[in-house]
PDB file of all heavy atoms in Angstrom:
ATOM      1  N   SER A   1      29.430  27.362  24.640  1.00  0.00           N
ATOM      2  CA  SER A   1      29.920  28.352  25.610  1.00  0.00           C
ATOM      3  C   SER A   1      31.283  27.951  26.152  1.00  0.00           C
ATOM      4  O   SER A   1      32.154  28.801  26.347  1.00  0.00           O
ATOM      5  CB  SER A   1      28.936  28.508  26.765  1.00  0.00           C
ATOM      6  OG  SER A   1      27.754  29.109  26.322  1.00  0.00           O
ATOM      7  N   GLU A   2      31.474  26.655  26.390  1.00  0.00           N
ATOM      8  CA  GLU A   2      32.748  26.156  26.925  1.00  0.00           C
ATOM      9  C   GLU A   2      33.916  26.405  25.979  1.00  0.00           C
ATOM     10  O   GLU A   2      35.046  26.570  26.422  1.00  0.00           O
ATOM     11  CB  GLU A   2      32.637  24.664  27.236  1.00  0.00           C
ATOM     12  CG  GLU A   2      31.795  24.368  28.453  1.00  0.00           C
ATOM     13  CD  GLU A   2      31.560  22.871  28.660  1.00  0.00           C
ATOM     14  OE1 GLU A   2      32.178  22.055  27.935  1.00  0.00           O
ATOM     15  OE2 GLU A   2      30.743  22.530  29.530  1.00  0.00           O
ATOM     16  N   ILE A   3      33.654  26.447  24.662  1.00  0.00           N
ATOM     17  CA  ILE A   3      34.757  26.674  23.721  1.00  0.00           C
ATOM     18  C   ILE A   3      34.855  28.146  23.316  1.00  0.00           C
ATOM     19  O   ILE A   3      35.634  28.492  22.430  1.00  0.00           O
ATOM     20  CB  ILE A   3      34.656  25.773  22.472  1.00  0.00           C
ATOM     21  CG1 ILE A   3      33.410  26.098  21.644  1.00  0.00           C
ATOM     22  CG2 ILE A   3      34.717  24.312  22.854  1.00  0.00           C
ATOM     23  CD1 ILE A   3      33.458  25.518  20.245  1.00  0.00           C
ATOM     24  N   GLY A   4      34.057  28.999  23.940  1.00  0.00           N
ATOM     25  CA  GLY A   4      34.211  30.433  23.722  1.00  0.00           C
ATOM     26  C   GLY A   4      33.258  31.084  22.742  1.00  0.00           C
ATOM     27  O   GLY A   4      33.447  32.242  22.381  1.00  0.00           O
ATOM     28  N   VAL A   5      32.230  30.385  22.299  1.00  0.00           N
ATOM     29  CA  VAL A   5      31.231  31.004  21.424  1.00  0.00           C
ATOM     30  C   VAL A   5      30.395  31.951  22.278  1.00  0.00           C
ATOM     31  O   VAL A   5      29.815  31.544  23.280  1.00  0.00           O
ATOM     32  CB  VAL A   5      30.340  29.943  20.735  1.00  0.00           C
ATOM     33  CG1 VAL A   5      29.194  30.595  19.977  1.00  0.00           C
ATOM     34  CG2 VAL A   5      31.178  29.073  19.816  1.00  0.00           C
ATOM     35  N   THR A   6      30.362  33.223  21.881  1.00  0.00           N
ATOM     36  CA  THR A   6      29.710  34.236  22.724  1.00  0.00           C
ATOM     37  C   THR A   6      28.316  34.614  22.272  1.00  0.00           C
ATOM     38  O   THR A   6      27.605  35.293  22.996  1.00  0.00           O
ATOM     39  CB  THR A   6      30.566  35.512  22.770  1.00  0.00           C
ATOM     40  OG1 THR A   6      30.761  35.979  21.436  1.00  0.00           O
ATOM     41  CG2 THR A   6      31.901  35.236  23.434  1.00  0.00           C
ATOM     42  N   GLY A   7      27.905  34.214  21.084  1.00  0.00           N
ATOM     43  CA  GLY A   7      26.573  34.577  20.636  1.00  0.00           C
ATOM     44  C   GLY A   7      26.041  33.612  19.607  1.00  0.00           C
ATOM     45  O   GLY A   7      26.796  33.039  18.823  1.00  0.00           O
ATOM     46  N   LEU A   8      24.736  33.416  19.649  1.00  0.00           N
ATOM     47  CA  LEU A   8      24.081  32.576  18.657  1.00  0.00           C
ATOM     48  C   LEU A   8      22.613  32.959  18.593  1.00  0.00           C
ATOM     49  O   LEU A   8      22.095  33.611  19.487  1.00  0.00           O
ATOM     50  CB  LEU A   8      24.255  31.086  18.964  1.00  0.00           C
ATOM     51  CG  LEU A   8      23.868  30.555  20.339  1.00  0.00           C
ATOM     52  CD1 LEU A   8      22.414  30.162  20.404  1.00  0.00           C
ATOM     53  CD2 LEU A   8      24.713  29.343  20.644  1.00  0.00           C
ATOM     54  N   THR A   9      21.963  32.559  17.518  1.00  0.00           N
ATOM     55  CA  THR A   9      20.539  32.809  17.339  1.00  0.00           C
ATOM     56  C   THR A   9      19.836  31.469  17.286  1.00  0.00           C
ATOM     57  O   THR A   9      20.295  30.549  16.602  1.00  0.00           O
ATOM     58  CB  THR A   9      20.284  33.582  16.028  1.00  0.00           C
ATOM     59  OG1 THR A   9      20.997  34.815  16.080  1.00  0.00           O
ATOM     60  CG2 THR A   9      18.806  33.862  15.831  1.00  0.00           C
ATOM     61  N   VAL A  10      18.715  31.347  18.000  1.00  0.00           N
ATOM     62  CA  VAL A  10      17.962  30.105  18.051  1.00  0.00           C
ATOM     63  C   VAL A  10      16.545  30.367  17.560  1.00  0.00           C
ATOM     64  O   VAL A  10      15.914  31.337  17.968  1.00  0.00           O
ATOM     65  CB  VAL A  10      17.921  29.546  19.497  1.00  0.00           C
ATOM     66  CG1 VAL A  10      17.039  28.316  19.580  1.00  0.00           C
ATOM     67  CG2 VAL A  10      19.321  29.244  19.986  1.00  0.00           C
ATOM     68  N   THR A  11      16.071  29.489  16.680  1.00  0.00           N
ATOM     69  CA  THR A  11      14.723  29.598  16.137  1.00  0.00           C
ATOM     70  C   THR A  11      14.044  28.242  16.232  1.00  0.00           C
ATOM     71  O   THR A  11      14.662  27.219  15.914  1.00  0.00           O
ATOM     72  CB  THR A  11      14.771  30.022  14.650  1.00  0.00           C
ATOM     73  OG1 THR A  11      15.608  31.162  14.506  1.00  0.00           O
ATOM     74  CG2 THR A  11      13.392  30.349  14.132  1.00  0.00           C
ATOM     75  N   GLU A  12      12.778  28.226  16.646  1.00  0.00           N
ATOM     76  CA  GLU A  12      12.000  26.991  16.613  1.00  0.00           C
ATOM     77  C   GLU A  12      11.456  26.835  15.199  1.00  0.00           C
ATOM     78  O   GLU A  12      10.812  27.737  14.670  1.00  0.00           O
ATOM     79  CB  GLU A  12      10.851  27.048  17.611  1.00  0.00           C
ATOM     80  CG  GLU A  12      11.308  27.048  19.057  1.00  0.00           C
ATOM     81  CD  GLU A  12      10.145  27.067  20.033  1.00  0.00           C
ATOM     82  OE1 GLU A  12       8.991  26.822  19.621  1.00  0.00           O
ATOM     83  OE2 GLU A  12      10.406  27.333  21.208  1.00  0.00           O
ATOM     84  N   VAL A  13      11.738  25.687  14.587  1.00  0.00           N
ATOM     85  CA  VAL A  13      11.311  25.432  13.210  1.00  0.00           C
ATOM     86  C   VAL A  13      10.650  24.060  13.135  1.00  0.00           C
ATOM     87  O   VAL A  13      10.687  23.288  14.090  1.00  0.00           O
ATOM     88  CB  VAL A  13      12.500  25.510  12.223  1.00  0.00           C
ATOM     89  CG1 VAL A  13      13.073  26.915  12.185  1.00  0.00           C
ATOM     90  CG2 VAL A  13      13.572  24.503  12.564  1.00  0.00           C
ATOM     91  N   LYS A  14      10.054  23.767  11.996  1.00  0.00           N
ATOM     92  CA  LYS A  14       9.492  22.441  11.741  1.00  0.00           C
ATOM     93  C   LYS A  14       9.985  21.986  10.386  1.00  0.00           C
ATOM     94  O   LYS A  14      10.192  22.801   9.483  1.00  0.00           O
ATOM     95  CB  LYS A  14       7.963  22.480  11.742  1.00  0.00           C
ATOM     96  CG  LYS A  14       7.389  22.757  13.104  1.00  0.00           C
ATOM     97  CD  LYS A  14       5.893  22.673  13.080  1.00  0.00           C
ATOM     98  CE  LYS A  14       5.372  22.945  14.483  1.00  0.00           C
ATOM     99  NZ  LYS A  14       3.994  22.563  14.610  1.00  0.00           N
ATOM    100  N   GLY A  15      10.189  20.685  10.238  1.00  0.00           N
ATOM    101  CA  GLY A  15      10.639  20.162   8.967  1.00  0.00           C
ATOM    102  C   GLY A  15      10.691  18.647   8.987  1.00  0.00           C
ATOM    103  O   GLY A  15      10.294  18.010   9.958  1.00  0.00           O
ATOM    104  N   PHE A  16      11.168  18.096   7.888  1.00  0.00           N
ATOM    105  CA  PHE A  16      11.357  16.657   7.824  1.00  0.00           C
ATOM    106  C   PHE A  16      12.504  16.349   6.881  1.00  0.00           C
ATOM    107  O   PHE A  16      12.856  17.147   6.022  1.00  0.00           O
ATOM    108  CB  PHE A  16      10.086  15.918   7.387  1.00  0.00           C
ATOM    109  CG  PHE A  16       9.705  16.158   5.954  1.00  0.00           C
ATOM    110  CD1 PHE A  16      10.172  15.329   4.952  1.00  0.00           C
ATOM    111  CD2 PHE A  16       8.866  17.204   5.613  1.00  0.00           C
ATOM    112  CE1 PHE A  16       9.825  15.555   3.629  1.00  0.00           C
ATOM    113  CE2 PHE A  16       8.505  17.427   4.305  1.00  0.00           C
ATOM    114  CZ  PHE A  16       8.991  16.594   3.304  1.00  0.00           C
ATOM    115  N   GLY A  17      13.086  15.205   7.088  1.00  0.00           N
ATOM    116  CA  GLY A  17      14.168  14.725   6.240  1.00  0.00           C
ATOM    117  C   GLY A  17      13.820  13.331   5.781  1.00  0.00           C
ATOM    118  O   GLY A  17      12.686  13.067   5.372  1.00  0.00           O
ATOM    119  N   ARG A  18      14.752  12.441   5.918  1.00  0.00           N
ATOM    120  CA  ARG A  18      14.525  11.068   5.466  1.00  0.00           C
ATOM    121  C   ARG A  18      13.414  10.360   6.234  1.00  0.00           C
ATOM    122  O   ARG A  18      12.774   9.466   5.720  1.00  0.00           O
ATOM    123  CB  ARG A  18      15.806  10.262   5.601  1.00  0.00           C
ATOM    124  CG  ARG A  18      16.824  10.646   4.580  1.00  0.00           C
ATOM    125  CD  ARG A  18      18.001   9.712   4.624  1.00  0.00           C
ATOM    126  NE  ARG A  18      18.982  10.137   3.644  1.00  0.00           N
ATOM    127  CZ  ARG A  18      20.240   9.829   3.707  1.00  0.00           C
ATOM    128  NH1 ARG A  18      20.688   9.092   4.694  1.00  0.00           N
ATOM    129  NH2 ARG A  18      21.061  10.258   2.782  1.00  0.00           N
ATOM    130  N   GLN A  19      13.192  10.758   7.491  1.00  0.00           N
ATOM    131  CA  GLN A  19      12.187  10.044   8.276  1.00  0.00           C
ATOM    132  C   GLN A  19      10.775  10.370   7.831  1.00  0.00           C
ATOM    133  O   GLN A  19       9.835   9.676   8.159  1.00  0.00           O
ATOM    134  CB  GLN A  19      12.368  10.295   9.779  1.00  0.00           C
ATOM    135  CG  GLN A  19      11.852  11.646  10.248  1.00  0.00           C
ATOM    136  CD  GLN A  19      12.905  12.707  10.370  1.00  0.00           C
ATOM    137  OE1 GLN A  19      13.830  12.789   9.569  1.00  0.00           O
ATOM    138  NE2 GLN A  19      12.788  13.544  11.362  1.00  0.00           N
ATOM    139  N   LYS A  20      10.562  11.434   7.075  1.00  0.00           N
ATOM    140  CA  LYS A  20       9.275  11.801   6.487  1.00  0.00           C
ATOM    141  C   LYS A  20       8.141  11.916   7.501  1.00  0.00           C
ATOM    142  O   LYS A  20       7.012  11.573   7.228  1.00  0.00           O
ATOM    143  CB  LYS A  20       8.860  10.783   5.408  1.00  0.00           C
ATOM    144  CG  LYS A  20       9.862  10.574   4.320  1.00  0.00           C
ATOM    145  CD  LYS A  20       9.694  11.610   3.238  1.00  0.00           C
ATOM    146  CE  LYS A  20      10.442  11.229   2.002  1.00  0.00           C
ATOM    147  NZ  LYS A  20      11.729  11.826   1.862  1.00  0.00           N
ATOM    148  N   GLY A  21       8.441  12.366   8.701  1.00  0.00           N
ATOM    149  CA  GLY A  21       7.401  12.514   9.718  1.00  0.00           C
ATOM    150  C   GLY A  21       7.066  11.176  10.350  1.00  0.00           C
ATOM    151  O   GLY A  21       7.795  10.199  10.211  1.00  0.00           O
ATOM    152  N   HIS A  22       5.936  11.131  11.032  1.00  0.00           N
ATOM    153  CA  HIS A  22       5.501   9.896  11.671  1.00  0.00           C
ATOM    154  C   HIS A  22       4.002   9.956  11.927  1.00  0.00           C
ATOM    155  O   HIS A  22       3.375  10.991  11.757  1.00  0.00           O
ATOM    156  CB  HIS A  22       6.276   9.665  12.980  1.00  0.00           C
ATOM    157  CG  HIS A  22       6.031  10.717  14.016  1.00  0.00           C
ATOM    158  ND1 HIS A  22       6.703  11.924  14.026  1.00  0.00           N
ATOM    159  CD2 HIS A  22       5.177  10.760  15.057  1.00  0.00           C
ATOM    160  CE1 HIS A  22       6.275  12.650  15.048  1.00  0.00           C
ATOM    161  NE2 HIS A  22       5.354  11.975  15.684  1.00  0.00           N
ATOM    162  N   THR A  23       3.418   8.829  12.345  1.00  0.00           N
ATOM    163  CA  THR A  23       1.985   8.799  12.653  1.00  0.00           C
ATOM    164  C   THR A  23       1.799   8.805  14.161  1.00  0.00           C
ATOM    165  O   THR A  23       2.622   8.281  14.913  1.00  0.00           O
ATOM    166  CB  THR A  23       1.308   7.549  12.056  1.00  0.00           C
ATOM    167  OG1 THR A  23       1.950   6.392  12.581  1.00  0.00           O
ATOM    168  CG2 THR A  23       1.405   7.549  10.546  1.00  0.00           C
ATOM    169  N   GLU A  24       0.707   9.422  14.596  1.00  0.00           N
ATOM    170  CA  GLU A  24       0.364   9.464  16.013  1.00  0.00           C
ATOM    171  C   GLU A  24      -1.116   9.153  16.166  1.00  0.00           C
ATOM    172  O   GLU A  24      -1.891   9.262  15.216  1.00  0.00           O
ATOM    173  CB  GLU A  24       0.657  10.853  16.597  1.00  0.00           C
ATOM    174  CG  GLU A  24       2.133  11.155  16.727  1.00  0.00           C
ATOM    175  CD  GLU A  24       2.401  12.454  17.460  1.00  0.00           C
ATOM    176  OE1 GLU A  24       1.447  13.101  17.926  1.00  0.00           O
ATOM    177  OE2 GLU A  24       3.577  12.823  17.565  1.00  0.00           O
TER     178      GLU A  24
END
């Protein structure tokens, strides 16, 4: 917003990369 971007779309997603998730 500070640099003048007036619109965006936000989506909640799930995924993994190199960390391959974790254990809980």
